[in-house]
Structure formats: C-alpha cells, structure tokens
Protein backbone atom coordinates (compact mmCIF):
# COMPACT_ATOMS: atom_id res chain seq x y z
CA MET A 1 -92.44 52.12 -36.12
CA PHE A 2 -93.54 48.51 -35.71
CA SER A 3 -97.01 49.61 -34.59
CA LEU A 4 -97.30 51.87 -37.63
CA CYS A 5 -96.52 48.92 -39.92
CA ALA A 6 -98.97 46.70 -38.03
CA ALA A 7 -101.76 49.28 -38.33
CA PHE A 8 -101.01 49.68 -42.04
CA MET A 9 -101.19 45.91 -42.57
CA ALA A 10 -104.48 45.73 -40.64
CA ALA A 11 -105.93 48.45 -42.87
CA CYS A 12 -104.66 46.67 -46.00
CA ILE A 13 -106.15 43.31 -44.97
CA SER A 14 -109.52 44.88 -44.11
CA GLY A 15 -109.43 46.88 -47.34
CA TRP A 16 -108.74 43.74 -49.34
CA LEU A 17 -111.68 42.01 -47.65
CA LEU A 18 -113.94 44.94 -48.55
CA PHE A 19 -112.60 44.93 -52.12
CA VAL A 20 -113.56 41.27 -52.49
CA MET A 21 -117.03 41.72 -50.97
CA MET A 22 -118.19 44.92 -52.69
CA PRO A 23 -118.60 46.29 -56.18
CA HIS A 24 -115.56 48.32 -57.17
CA TYR A 25 -117.37 51.65 -57.33
CA LEU A 26 -118.71 51.17 -53.81
CA PHE A 27 -115.28 50.14 -52.53
CA ALA A 28 -113.76 53.32 -53.97
CA ILE A 29 -116.44 55.44 -52.29
CA VAL A 30 -115.98 53.66 -48.94
CA LEU A 31 -112.20 54.02 -49.13
CA LEU A 32 -112.43 57.73 -49.95
CA MET A 33 -114.95 58.33 -47.17
CA THR A 34 -112.77 56.39 -44.71
CA PHE A 35 -109.76 58.59 -45.42
CA MET A 36 -111.81 61.78 -45.20
CA THR A 37 -113.71 60.91 -42.03
CA CYS A 38 -110.69 59.49 -40.21
CA PHE A 39 -108.68 62.59 -40.99
CA ALA A 40 -111.55 64.86 -39.95
CA GLY A 41 -112.29 62.86 -36.79
CA LEU A 42 -108.68 63.05 -35.66
CA TYR A 43 -107.71 66.57 -36.61
CA ILE A 44 -110.79 68.74 -36.21
CA PRO A 45 -110.86 68.31 -32.41
CA TYR A 46 -107.08 68.72 -32.36
CA ARG A 47 -107.20 72.00 -34.28
CA CYS A 48 -110.35 73.44 -32.72
CA THR A 49 -109.44 72.91 -29.05
CA ARG A 50 -106.39 73.36 -26.86
CA GLN A 51 -105.10 69.89 -27.73
CA ARG A 52 -102.48 71.31 -30.07
CA LEU A 53 -100.74 72.88 -27.06
CA TRP A 54 -100.14 69.40 -25.66
CA MET A 55 -98.60 68.18 -28.97
CA VAL A 56 -100.18 64.77 -28.37
CA MET A 57 -103.63 63.77 -29.55
CA PRO A 58 -105.77 62.08 -26.93
CA THR A 59 -106.88 58.56 -27.76
CA THR A 60 -110.50 59.70 -27.60
CA ASN A 61 -109.89 61.36 -30.98
CA LEU A 62 -108.88 57.94 -32.31
CA ILE A 63 -112.10 56.38 -31.05
CA TRP A 64 -114.29 59.19 -32.43
CA SER A 65 -112.50 59.02 -35.76
CA THR A 66 -113.15 55.30 -36.04
CA LEU A 67 -116.80 55.62 -35.04
CA LEU A 68 -117.37 58.50 -37.46
CA SER A 69 -115.87 56.47 -40.28
CA ILE A 70 -118.00 53.42 -39.47
CA LEU A 71 -121.19 55.50 -39.31
CA VAL A 72 -120.56 57.35 -42.57
CA ASN A 73 -119.54 54.20 -44.43
CA GLY A 74 -122.51 52.33 -42.99
CA ALA A 75 -124.79 55.07 -44.30
CA VAL A 76 -123.14 54.90 -47.74
CA ILE A 77 -123.63 51.13 -47.89
CA ALA A 78 -127.22 51.40 -46.60
CA ILE A 79 -128.06 53.97 -49.27
CA ASP A 80 -126.44 51.85 -51.96
CA SER A 81 -128.21 48.67 -50.82
CA SER A 82 -131.58 50.45 -50.81
CA PHE A 83 -131.32 50.72 -54.59
CA VAL A 84 -130.82 46.98 -55.03
CA ALA A 85 -133.98 45.41 -56.42
CA GLU A 86 -133.04 41.80 -55.61
CA VAL A 87 -134.67 39.99 -52.72
CA TYR A 88 -132.41 38.02 -50.38
CA SER A 89 -133.19 35.81 -47.45
CA MET A 90 -132.77 37.40 -44.02
CA ALA A 91 -129.91 35.05 -43.08
CA ASP A 92 -127.91 36.04 -46.16
CA VAL A 93 -128.48 39.74 -45.52
CA LEU A 94 -127.38 39.47 -41.87
CA ASP A 95 -124.36 37.36 -42.77
CA ASN A 96 -123.26 39.85 -45.42
CA LEU A 97 -123.95 42.78 -43.09
CA VAL A 98 -121.79 41.33 -40.30
CA ARG A 99 -118.92 40.69 -42.71
CA LEU A 100 -119.15 44.23 -44.09
CA LEU A 101 -119.29 45.71 -40.59
CA VAL A 102 -116.20 43.77 -39.46
CA ALA A 103 -114.27 44.77 -42.59
CA MET A 104 -115.35 48.42 -42.32
CA SER A 105 -114.39 48.50 -38.65
CA GLY A 106 -110.98 47.05 -39.37
CA LEU A 107 -110.36 49.50 -42.19
CA ALA A 108 -111.53 52.47 -40.10
CA MET A 109 -109.44 51.44 -37.10
CA GLY A 110 -106.36 50.77 -39.23
CA VAL A 111 -106.54 54.08 -41.08
CA SER A 112 -107.28 56.03 -37.87
CA MET A 113 -104.39 54.34 -36.12
CA ASP A 114 -102.07 55.11 -39.04
CA PHE A 115 -102.99 58.82 -38.97
CA PHE A 116 -102.67 58.87 -35.17
CA LEU A 117 -99.26 57.17 -35.18
CA VAL A 118 -97.88 59.38 -37.95
CA HIS A 119 -98.86 62.43 -35.91
CA TYR A 120 -97.42 60.91 -32.75
CA LEU A 121 -94.18 60.04 -34.54
CA TYR A 122 -93.91 63.55 -35.95
CA ALA A 123 -94.67 65.22 -32.61
CA HIS A 124 -92.11 63.20 -30.67
CA GLU A 125 -89.39 62.67 -33.23
CA ALA A 126 -89.47 66.01 -35.10
CA SER A 127 -86.28 67.32 -33.53
CA GLU A 128 -84.46 64.07 -34.28
CA ILE A 129 -85.68 64.08 -37.89
CA ARG A 130 -84.56 67.70 -38.34
CA ARG A 131 -81.15 66.86 -36.85
CA LEU A 132 -80.69 63.94 -39.24
CA LYS A 133 -81.80 66.11 -42.15
CA ARG A 134 -79.22 68.78 -41.24
CA LYS A 135 -76.55 66.14 -40.85
CA ALA A 136 -77.37 64.65 -44.26
CA SER A 137 -77.40 68.02 -46.03
CA HIS A 138 -74.09 69.22 -44.48
CA PRO A 139 -71.51 66.49 -44.90
CA VAL A 140 -68.67 66.41 -42.43
CA GLY A 141 -65.19 65.94 -43.79
CA ASP A 142 -62.28 67.56 -45.56
CA ASP A 143 -63.99 67.57 -48.97
CA CYS A 144 -65.61 70.96 -48.25
CA ASN A 145 -62.36 72.60 -47.11
CA LEU A 146 -60.24 71.88 -50.21
CA ARG A 147 -60.62 75.42 -51.65
C-alpha cells in the first residue's frame, strides 16, 4: 500500500511540473494520452497472451507501458511545438526539452506503476477483500436473531 501511495505522489509531482511548464490544453492532452497509453501498454499484452493465467503481470509490461507513454507524449509535444512560430535559441530549446522529458518520464512511470500495483493488489488480495466484504455485509451478533 505504501508503494501505491509513493507511485501516486510521484505521478502527482511530475504532473504538477508538466502543468507549470505547458499550456493547459497541451497538459490535458498529455495527461489523457498518458492514461490511455499506460493502460494499453499494461493490459493489452496481459489480455492477448497467456499472462492472465499467471495472475501477475510481468514487469516488462510496466517498462513497455512507460516507454509507449513517453513516445506518444513526445510525439504530441513535437507536433504541437512544430506549430510554434517563435524562434528560440538552441540552449533554451534543449533546456526546455530536457525538463519536459524528465517530467513526462516521471508521470508515465508513476501512472504505469499505479496501474501495475492496483492490479497486483487485486490479484493477491482479492480473496481477503471478498472475505472482509462478506464480513461487513453480514454482521455477527444477536441483533439478527431477535425474531
């Protein structure tokens, strides 16, 4: 549970950094694409292969999910920046590009890790969660036997 909170905080911090650095419309597009590509990168191999029989996703899916998200978001930012008519110095462009790449990588890794850990938690703790749910819905005591 601690790792899930840590991954969520990493995604939030990287998302905040992207929010500060980008126009709001571009941030919304990058955030949407991150969620879509991370989900697709994790679950398409899981559903299309025999991985679902193991009930645990290999960590390679986590790596591919992160890389897919970085590539798609990099393409979105490259397409958006190609429409900018302003001329910047090369040092400013590289500095901004490195900051965006670090923030995008952190967001992609955080979101991928969150999806991965939620699946892992569900796969390993499903029986315990169902037991607690049954226990909460059927109270034990004499209140039910008063009829």
